[in-house]
Amino acid sequence: MISKERNMSQQQQKGFTLIELMIVIAIIGILAALALPAYQTYAKKAKFSEVVMATTAVKSAIDICYQTQGDLAVCDGTDSQAVSNAATNANGGVHVASVVVTDDLGTITATGASPVDGSAYVLVPTPANGALSWALDEALSTCLTAGLCDRRGAVAPDPDPA
């Protein structure tokens, strides 16, 4: 009798039941459903950082032009060869659709390629004390509404998970 009970007890302890496996699969599915949107947002922000970085060489070229010429009107993509070259070279990124200096005020417009939904990143220089300070044009920068950049012009941080 004792050996029958021991034998039955060993047979019952051989593995997981179907319900236990279904619960584990359901938990994994819930975790994946929560993690996937967060990952997609993170990936878009990482790709958009290439658009932000593409403007740095153009900003430097405009800064140098302004320091040497003293006038932003001659520091656009048509009057300054250095600015034109910097904008042309900035267009080589995988996630960058275009980087252009759009007017005589030195405004830089960088547009992301399809993975970042064509979001625009627009920087406007302001002359002050012989130097330029750069600010994001909030009205024209569609990266703000897409959540890819913040008002400082940087790539938007992830929201606090707490």
N, C-alpha and C. Protein backbone atom coordinates (compact mmCIF):
# COMPACT_ATOMS: atom_id res chain seq x y z
N MET A 1 0.81 -1.18 0.00
CA MET A 1 0.00 0.00 0.00
C MET A 1 0.86 1.26 0.00
N ILE A 2 1.91 1.24 0.81
CA ILE A 2 2.79 2.40 0.88
C ILE A 2 3.49 2.61 -0.45
N SER A 3 3.88 1.53 -1.10
CA SER A 3 4.57 1.68 -2.37
C SER A 3 3.63 2.22 -3.45
N LYS A 4 2.32 1.88 -3.39
CA LYS A 4 1.37 2.42 -4.35
C LYS A 4 1.23 3.93 -4.17
N GLU A 5 1.16 4.40 -2.92
CA GLU A 5 1.03 5.84 -2.66
C GLU A 5 2.28 6.58 -3.12
N ARG A 6 3.44 6.01 -2.84
CA ARG A 6 4.68 6.63 -3.26
C ARG A 6 4.76 6.69 -4.79
N ASN A 7 4.35 5.62 -5.45
CA ASN A 7 4.38 5.57 -6.90
C ASN A 7 3.42 6.61 -7.50
N MET A 8 2.22 6.78 -6.94
CA MET A 8 1.26 7.77 -7.43
C MET A 8 1.77 9.18 -7.17
N SER A 9 2.41 9.39 -6.02
CA SER A 9 2.93 10.71 -5.69
C SER A 9 4.06 11.09 -6.65
N GLN A 10 4.88 10.13 -7.05
CA GLN A 10 5.95 10.41 -8.00
C GLN A 10 5.39 10.73 -9.38
N GLN A 11 4.32 10.08 -9.77
CA GLN A 11 3.72 10.34 -11.07
C GLN A 11 3.10 11.74 -11.12
N GLN A 12 2.56 12.22 -10.03
CA GLN A 12 1.93 13.53 -10.01
C GLN A 12 2.96 14.66 -10.04
N GLN A 13 4.16 14.45 -9.67
CA GLN A 13 5.18 15.48 -9.58
C GLN A 13 6.10 15.52 -10.80
N LYS A 14 5.71 14.96 -11.92
CA LYS A 14 6.61 14.84 -13.05
C LYS A 14 6.72 16.08 -13.93
N GLY A 15 5.85 17.06 -13.82
CA GLY A 15 5.97 18.22 -14.71
C GLY A 15 4.91 19.26 -14.43
N PHE A 16 4.88 20.24 -15.34
CA PHE A 16 3.92 21.33 -15.22
C PHE A 16 2.58 20.91 -15.82
N THR A 17 1.54 21.45 -15.28
CA THR A 17 0.23 21.20 -15.87
C THR A 17 0.03 22.18 -17.01
N LEU A 18 -0.96 21.91 -17.80
CA LEU A 18 -1.27 22.78 -18.93
C LEU A 18 -1.67 24.17 -18.45
N ILE A 19 -2.37 24.25 -17.36
CA ILE A 19 -2.80 25.55 -16.83
C ILE A 19 -1.60 26.37 -16.38
N GLU A 20 -0.64 25.74 -15.74
CA GLU A 20 0.57 26.46 -15.32
C GLU A 20 1.32 27.01 -16.54
N LEU A 21 1.44 26.23 -17.58
CA LEU A 21 2.09 26.70 -18.81
C LEU A 21 1.32 27.85 -19.45
N MET A 22 0.00 27.77 -19.46
CA MET A 22 -0.82 28.85 -20.03
C MET A 22 -0.65 30.14 -19.23
N ILE A 23 -0.54 30.04 -17.92
CA ILE A 23 -0.34 31.23 -17.08
C ILE A 23 1.01 31.87 -17.39
N VAL A 24 2.04 31.06 -17.53
CA VAL A 24 3.37 31.59 -17.86
C VAL A 24 3.35 32.27 -19.23
N ILE A 25 2.70 31.66 -20.21
CA ILE A 25 2.61 32.26 -21.54
C ILE A 25 1.83 33.57 -21.50
N ALA A 26 0.77 33.62 -20.71
CA ALA A 26 -0.02 34.85 -20.59
C ALA A 26 0.81 35.96 -19.96
N ILE A 27 1.59 35.65 -18.95
CA ILE A 27 2.45 36.65 -18.30
C ILE A 27 3.49 37.17 -19.28
N ILE A 28 4.10 36.29 -20.04
CA ILE A 28 5.09 36.71 -21.04
C ILE A 28 4.43 37.60 -22.09
N GLY A 29 3.23 37.26 -22.51
CA GLY A 29 2.50 38.07 -23.49
C GLY A 29 2.19 39.46 -22.97
N ILE A 30 1.79 39.57 -21.72
CA ILE A 30 1.49 40.88 -21.12
C ILE A 30 2.76 41.71 -21.04
N LEU A 31 3.85 41.12 -20.60
CA LEU A 31 5.12 41.85 -20.52
C LEU A 31 5.59 42.32 -21.89
N ALA A 32 5.43 41.48 -22.90
CA ALA A 32 5.83 41.87 -24.25
C ALA A 32 4.95 43.01 -24.77
N ALA A 33 3.66 42.96 -24.47
CA ALA A 33 2.75 44.02 -24.92
C ALA A 33 3.09 45.36 -24.28
N LEU A 34 3.59 45.34 -23.06
CA LEU A 34 3.99 46.58 -22.39
C LEU A 34 5.34 47.07 -22.87
N ALA A 35 6.25 46.17 -23.17
CA ALA A 35 7.62 46.56 -23.53
C ALA A 35 7.75 47.02 -24.98
N LEU A 36 6.97 46.47 -25.88
CA LEU A 36 7.13 46.78 -27.30
C LEU A 36 6.90 48.25 -27.64
N PRO A 37 5.82 48.90 -27.19
CA PRO A 37 5.66 50.33 -27.50
C PRO A 37 6.78 51.19 -26.92
N ALA A 38 7.24 50.87 -25.73
CA ALA A 38 8.34 51.63 -25.13
C ALA A 38 9.61 51.46 -25.95
N TYR A 39 9.86 50.27 -26.43
CA TYR A 39 11.04 50.03 -27.26
C TYR A 39 10.95 50.78 -28.57
N GLN A 40 9.77 50.80 -29.20
CA GLN A 40 9.61 51.49 -30.48
C GLN A 40 9.85 52.99 -30.32
N THR A 41 9.35 53.58 -29.23
CA THR A 41 9.59 55.00 -28.97
C THR A 41 11.07 55.26 -28.75
N TYR A 42 11.71 54.41 -27.98
CA TYR A 42 13.15 54.54 -27.72
C TYR A 42 13.94 54.45 -29.03
N ALA A 43 13.56 53.52 -29.90
CA ALA A 43 14.27 53.35 -31.17
C ALA A 43 14.10 54.58 -32.06
N LYS A 44 12.90 55.17 -32.10
CA LYS A 44 12.69 56.38 -32.90
C LYS A 44 13.53 57.54 -32.37
N LYS A 45 13.59 57.69 -31.05
CA LYS A 45 14.40 58.77 -30.47
C LYS A 45 15.87 58.57 -30.78
N ALA A 46 16.32 57.34 -30.74
CA ALA A 46 17.73 57.06 -31.05
C ALA A 46 18.02 57.39 -32.51
N LYS A 47 17.10 57.07 -33.40
CA LYS A 47 17.30 57.38 -34.82
C LYS A 47 17.22 58.89 -35.06
N PHE A 48 16.36 59.59 -34.31
CA PHE A 48 16.24 61.04 -34.50
C PHE A 48 17.47 61.77 -33.98
N SER A 49 18.21 61.16 -33.06
CA SER A 49 19.44 61.81 -32.58
C SER A 49 20.43 62.02 -33.72
N GLU A 50 20.36 61.19 -34.76
CA GLU A 50 21.22 61.39 -35.93
C GLU A 50 20.84 62.68 -36.65
N VAL A 51 19.55 63.00 -36.69
CA VAL A 51 19.09 64.25 -37.31
C VAL A 51 19.62 65.44 -36.52
N VAL A 52 19.54 65.35 -35.19
CA VAL A 52 20.05 66.43 -34.33
C VAL A 52 21.55 66.61 -34.53
N MET A 53 22.28 65.50 -34.57
CA MET A 53 23.74 65.57 -34.73
C MET A 53 24.14 66.08 -36.12
N ALA A 54 23.29 65.87 -37.11
CA ALA A 54 23.61 66.33 -38.47
C ALA A 54 23.68 67.85 -38.55
N THR A 55 23.05 68.54 -37.61
CA THR A 55 23.05 70.01 -37.64
C THR A 55 24.32 70.61 -37.04
N THR A 56 25.11 69.84 -36.32
CA THR A 56 26.26 70.42 -35.60
C THR A 56 27.31 70.98 -36.55
N ALA A 57 27.61 70.29 -37.63
CA ALA A 57 28.61 70.80 -38.57
C ALA A 57 28.11 72.06 -39.27
N VAL A 58 26.82 72.11 -39.56
CA VAL A 58 26.25 73.29 -40.21
C VAL A 58 26.25 74.47 -39.23
N LYS A 59 25.90 74.20 -37.97
CA LYS A 59 25.96 75.26 -36.95
C LYS A 59 27.37 75.82 -36.84
N SER A 60 28.36 74.94 -36.82
CA SER A 60 29.75 75.39 -36.72
C SER A 60 30.15 76.23 -37.92
N ALA A 61 29.73 75.81 -39.12
CA ALA A 61 30.06 76.57 -40.33
C ALA A 61 29.41 77.95 -40.30
N ILE A 62 28.18 78.03 -39.83
CA ILE A 62 27.50 79.33 -39.74
C ILE A 62 28.15 80.18 -38.66
N ASP A 63 28.53 79.57 -37.54
CA ASP A 63 29.24 80.31 -36.47
C ASP A 63 30.53 80.93 -37.00
N ILE A 64 31.32 80.13 -37.71
CA ILE A 64 32.60 80.62 -38.25
C ILE A 64 32.35 81.71 -39.28
N CYS A 65 31.37 81.51 -40.14
CA CYS A 65 31.04 82.53 -41.15
C CYS A 65 30.62 83.83 -40.48
N TYR A 66 29.80 83.72 -39.45
CA TYR A 66 29.34 84.93 -38.75
C TYR A 66 30.51 85.64 -38.06
N GLN A 67 31.43 84.86 -37.48
CA GLN A 67 32.60 85.46 -36.82
C GLN A 67 33.49 86.19 -37.82
N THR A 68 33.65 85.63 -39.00
CA THR A 68 34.54 86.26 -39.99
C THR A 68 33.84 87.35 -40.80
N GLN A 69 32.57 87.20 -41.10
CA GLN A 69 31.85 88.16 -41.94
C GLN A 69 31.09 89.22 -41.13
N GLY A 70 30.63 88.84 -39.94
CA GLY A 70 29.88 89.77 -39.10
C GLY A 70 28.45 90.00 -39.54
N ASP A 71 27.95 89.17 -40.47
CA ASP A 71 26.59 89.36 -40.98
C ASP A 71 26.00 88.00 -41.32
N LEU A 72 24.84 87.69 -40.74
CA LEU A 72 24.19 86.41 -41.02
C LEU A 72 23.67 86.31 -42.44
N ALA A 73 23.39 87.42 -43.07
CA ALA A 73 22.82 87.40 -44.43
C ALA A 73 23.75 86.72 -45.43
N VAL A 74 25.06 86.76 -45.19
CA VAL A 74 26.00 86.11 -46.12
C VAL A 74 26.38 84.71 -45.65
N CYS A 75 25.73 84.22 -44.62
CA CYS A 75 26.06 82.90 -44.06
C CYS A 75 24.98 81.87 -44.34
N ASP A 76 24.32 81.97 -45.47
CA ASP A 76 23.34 80.95 -45.84
C ASP A 76 23.97 79.96 -46.81
N GLY A 77 23.18 79.05 -47.31
CA GLY A 77 23.71 78.00 -48.18
C GLY A 77 24.06 78.47 -49.58
N THR A 78 23.65 79.67 -49.98
CA THR A 78 23.96 80.14 -51.33
C THR A 78 25.15 81.09 -51.35
N ASP A 79 25.31 81.90 -50.30
CA ASP A 79 26.39 82.90 -50.28
C ASP A 79 27.69 82.36 -49.69
N SER A 80 27.61 81.37 -48.84
CA SER A 80 28.80 80.84 -48.18
C SER A 80 29.05 79.41 -48.64
N GLN A 81 30.20 79.19 -49.29
CA GLN A 81 30.53 77.85 -49.77
C GLN A 81 30.75 76.89 -48.61
N ALA A 82 31.34 77.36 -47.51
CA ALA A 82 31.58 76.50 -46.35
C ALA A 82 30.26 76.01 -45.76
N VAL A 83 29.28 76.90 -45.65
CA VAL A 83 27.97 76.51 -45.12
C VAL A 83 27.29 75.54 -46.09
N SER A 84 27.38 75.82 -47.37
CA SER A 84 26.79 74.94 -48.38
C SER A 84 27.41 73.54 -48.32
N ASN A 85 28.74 73.48 -48.20
CA ASN A 85 29.43 72.18 -48.11
C ASN A 85 29.03 71.43 -46.85
N ALA A 86 28.93 72.14 -45.72
CA ALA A 86 28.55 71.50 -44.46
C ALA A 86 27.14 70.93 -44.56
N ALA A 87 26.23 71.67 -45.16
CA ALA A 87 24.85 71.19 -45.32
C ALA A 87 24.80 69.98 -46.25
N THR A 88 25.58 70.01 -47.32
CA THR A 88 25.62 68.89 -48.26
C THR A 88 26.16 67.64 -47.57
N ASN A 89 27.24 67.78 -46.80
CA ASN A 89 27.83 66.64 -46.11
C ASN A 89 26.92 66.10 -45.02
N ALA A 90 26.11 66.96 -44.40
CA ALA A 90 25.21 66.52 -43.33
C ALA A 90 24.07 65.66 -43.87
N ASN A 91 23.82 65.71 -45.16
CA ASN A 91 22.73 64.94 -45.76
C ASN A 91 23.06 63.47 -45.97
N GLY A 92 24.23 63.02 -45.56
CA GLY A 92 24.64 61.65 -45.81
C GLY A 92 24.16 60.64 -44.79
N GLY A 93 23.45 61.05 -43.76
CA GLY A 93 23.03 60.13 -42.71
C GLY A 93 21.92 59.19 -43.15
N VAL A 94 21.88 58.04 -42.52
CA VAL A 94 20.87 57.03 -42.83
C VAL A 94 19.47 57.52 -42.50
N HIS A 95 19.32 58.21 -41.37
CA HIS A 95 18.01 58.65 -40.90
C HIS A 95 17.77 60.14 -41.16
N VAL A 96 18.61 60.76 -41.99
CA VAL A 96 18.50 62.18 -42.29
C VAL A 96 18.03 62.34 -43.73
N ALA A 97 16.85 62.95 -43.91
CA ALA A 97 16.35 63.19 -45.27
C ALA A 97 17.01 64.42 -45.88
N SER A 98 17.13 65.50 -45.09
CA SER A 98 17.77 66.71 -45.62
C SER A 98 18.19 67.63 -44.48
N VAL A 99 19.24 68.40 -44.74
CA VAL A 99 19.68 69.49 -43.85
C VAL A 99 19.93 70.68 -44.76
N VAL A 100 19.18 71.75 -44.55
CA VAL A 100 19.32 72.94 -45.39
C VAL A 100 19.32 74.20 -44.53
N VAL A 101 20.01 75.22 -45.03
CA VAL A 101 19.95 76.55 -44.43
C VAL A 101 18.90 77.30 -45.25
N THR A 102 17.77 77.61 -44.61
CA THR A 102 16.59 78.01 -45.37
C THR A 102 16.47 79.49 -45.68
N ASP A 103 17.19 80.37 -45.01
CA ASP A 103 17.01 81.80 -45.28
C ASP A 103 18.28 82.57 -44.96
N ASP A 104 18.22 83.89 -45.12
CA ASP A 104 19.37 84.75 -44.84
C ASP A 104 19.60 84.97 -43.35
N LEU A 105 18.78 84.35 -42.52
CA LEU A 105 18.96 84.47 -41.08
C LEU A 105 19.74 83.31 -40.49
N GLY A 106 20.17 82.37 -41.32
CA GLY A 106 20.95 81.23 -40.86
C GLY A 106 20.12 80.12 -40.26
N THR A 107 18.82 80.09 -40.52
CA THR A 107 17.94 79.06 -39.97
C THR A 107 18.28 77.70 -40.59
N ILE A 108 18.50 76.72 -39.73
CA ILE A 108 18.83 75.36 -40.18
C ILE A 108 17.59 74.49 -40.03
N THR A 109 17.21 73.81 -41.10
CA THR A 109 16.09 72.88 -41.05
C THR A 109 16.61 71.49 -41.40
N ALA A 110 16.51 70.59 -40.44
CA ALA A 110 16.91 69.19 -40.65
C ALA A 110 15.65 68.33 -40.59
N THR A 111 15.51 67.45 -41.56
CA THR A 111 14.33 66.61 -41.64
C THR A 111 14.75 65.15 -41.57
N GLY A 112 14.04 64.38 -40.76
CA GLY A 112 14.34 62.97 -40.61
C GLY A 112 13.75 62.15 -41.74
N ALA A 113 14.37 61.01 -42.01
CA ALA A 113 13.87 60.09 -43.03
C ALA A 113 12.72 59.26 -42.44
N SER A 114 12.21 58.32 -43.20
CA SER A 114 10.98 57.61 -42.84
C SER A 114 10.97 56.93 -41.47
N PRO A 115 12.04 56.38 -40.95
CA PRO A 115 11.89 55.77 -39.62
C PRO A 115 11.49 56.75 -38.52
N VAL A 116 11.78 58.03 -38.73
CA VAL A 116 11.39 59.04 -37.74
C VAL A 116 10.29 59.94 -38.31
N ASP A 117 9.52 59.40 -39.23
CA ASP A 117 8.30 60.03 -39.74
C ASP A 117 8.49 61.40 -40.36
N GLY A 118 9.64 61.71 -40.90
CA GLY A 118 9.86 63.00 -41.55
C GLY A 118 9.77 64.19 -40.62
N SER A 119 10.04 63.99 -39.35
CA SER A 119 9.96 65.08 -38.38
C SER A 119 11.03 66.13 -38.65
N ALA A 120 10.66 67.39 -38.49
CA ALA A 120 11.57 68.50 -38.75
C ALA A 120 12.18 69.01 -37.45
N TYR A 121 13.43 69.42 -37.55
CA TYR A 121 14.19 69.98 -36.43
C TYR A 121 14.74 71.31 -36.94
N VAL A 122 14.20 72.42 -36.44
CA VAL A 122 14.52 73.74 -36.98
C VAL A 122 15.24 74.57 -35.90
N LEU A 123 16.46 75.02 -36.23
CA LEU A 123 17.26 75.84 -35.32
C LEU A 123 17.39 77.25 -35.87
N VAL A 124 17.26 78.23 -34.98
CA VAL A 124 17.36 79.64 -35.37
C VAL A 124 18.48 80.29 -34.56
N PRO A 125 19.45 80.95 -35.24
CA PRO A 125 20.52 81.63 -34.50
C PRO A 125 20.09 83.04 -34.09
N THR A 126 20.60 83.47 -32.94
CA THR A 126 20.36 84.83 -32.48
C THR A 126 21.71 85.46 -32.17
N PRO A 127 22.08 86.54 -32.89
CA PRO A 127 23.35 87.21 -32.61
C PRO A 127 23.28 87.96 -31.27
N ALA A 128 24.32 87.78 -30.47
CA ALA A 128 24.41 88.49 -29.19
C ALA A 128 25.87 88.63 -28.81
N ASN A 129 26.34 89.86 -28.65
CA ASN A 129 27.72 90.15 -28.24
C ASN A 129 28.75 89.50 -29.16
N GLY A 130 28.52 89.53 -30.45
CA GLY A 130 29.48 89.00 -31.41
C GLY A 130 29.47 87.50 -31.57
N ALA A 131 28.53 86.81 -30.93
CA ALA A 131 28.44 85.35 -31.04
C ALA A 131 26.99 84.97 -31.37
N LEU A 132 26.79 83.72 -31.70
CA LEU A 132 25.45 83.23 -32.00
C LEU A 132 24.98 82.29 -30.91
N SER A 133 23.75 82.43 -30.50
CA SER A 133 23.13 81.43 -29.64
C SER A 133 22.02 80.77 -30.45
N TRP A 134 21.90 79.47 -30.31
CA TRP A 134 20.97 78.69 -31.11
C TRP A 134 19.77 78.27 -30.27
N ALA A 135 18.59 78.36 -30.86
CA ALA A 135 17.36 77.95 -30.18
C ALA A 135 16.47 77.18 -31.15
N LEU A 136 15.69 76.29 -30.60
CA LEU A 136 14.75 75.51 -31.40
C LEU A 136 13.55 76.38 -31.77
N ASP A 137 13.18 76.38 -33.03
CA ASP A 137 11.97 77.09 -33.46
C ASP A 137 10.78 76.18 -33.15
N GLU A 138 10.07 76.49 -32.07
CA GLU A 138 9.00 75.61 -31.61
C GLU A 138 7.82 75.56 -32.57
N ALA A 139 7.61 76.62 -33.33
CA ALA A 139 6.47 76.65 -34.26
C ALA A 139 6.71 75.75 -35.47
N LEU A 140 7.94 75.64 -35.92
CA LEU A 140 8.24 74.87 -37.14
C LEU A 140 8.79 73.48 -36.88
N SER A 141 9.24 73.21 -35.67
CA SER A 141 9.85 71.91 -35.35
C SER A 141 8.77 70.89 -35.03
N THR A 142 8.51 70.00 -35.97
CA THR A 142 7.49 68.98 -35.75
C THR A 142 7.98 67.85 -34.85
N CYS A 143 9.26 67.85 -34.53
CA CYS A 143 9.79 66.83 -33.62
C CYS A 143 9.22 67.00 -32.21
N LEU A 144 8.79 68.21 -31.86
CA LEU A 144 8.19 68.45 -30.54
C LEU A 144 6.88 67.68 -30.39
N THR A 145 6.00 67.82 -31.37
CA THR A 145 4.70 67.15 -31.28
C THR A 145 4.84 65.63 -31.40
N ALA A 146 5.88 65.18 -32.10
CA ALA A 146 6.12 63.74 -32.22
C ALA A 146 6.80 63.16 -30.98
N GLY A 147 7.25 64.03 -30.07
CA GLY A 147 7.92 63.57 -28.86
C GLY A 147 9.35 63.13 -29.08
N LEU A 148 9.96 63.56 -30.19
CA LEU A 148 11.33 63.14 -30.50
C LEU A 148 12.38 64.12 -30.00
N CYS A 149 11.99 65.37 -29.72
CA CYS A 149 12.92 66.36 -29.19
C CYS A 149 12.20 67.18 -28.13
N ASP A 150 12.98 67.89 -27.32
CA ASP A 150 12.37 68.75 -26.31
C ASP A 150 12.59 70.21 -26.67
N ARG A 151 12.11 71.11 -25.85
CA ARG A 151 12.16 72.54 -26.15
C ARG A 151 13.59 73.09 -26.17
N ARG A 152 14.52 72.38 -25.57
CA ARG A 152 15.92 72.80 -25.60
C ARG A 152 16.58 72.38 -26.91
N GLY A 153 15.91 71.56 -27.69
CA GLY A 153 16.46 71.10 -28.95
C GLY A 153 17.14 69.75 -28.86
N ALA A 154 17.21 69.21 -27.67
CA ALA A 154 17.85 67.90 -27.49
C ALA A 154 16.84 66.80 -27.79
N VAL A 155 17.34 65.59 -27.94
CA VAL A 155 16.45 64.45 -28.09
C VAL A 155 15.67 64.31 -26.80
N ALA A 156 14.37 64.11 -26.91
CA ALA A 156 13.49 64.07 -25.73
C ALA A 156 13.87 62.91 -24.83
N PRO A 157 13.94 63.17 -23.52
CA PRO A 157 14.24 62.08 -22.59
C PRO A 157 13.03 61.17 -22.44
N ASP A 158 13.29 59.96 -22.00
CA ASP A 158 12.19 59.05 -21.72
C ASP A 158 11.46 59.53 -20.48
N PRO A 159 10.14 59.37 -20.45
CA PRO A 159 9.41 59.78 -19.25
C PRO A 159 9.81 58.93 -18.06
N ASP A 160 9.69 59.50 -16.88
CA ASP A 160 10.04 58.79 -15.65
C ASP A 160 9.12 57.58 -15.48
N PRO A 161 9.68 56.37 -15.38
CA PRO A 161 8.84 55.19 -15.30
C PRO A 161 8.07 55.08 -13.99
N ALA A 162 8.45 55.87 -12.98
CA ALA A 162 7.76 55.77 -11.68
C ALA A 162 6.42 56.45 -11.68
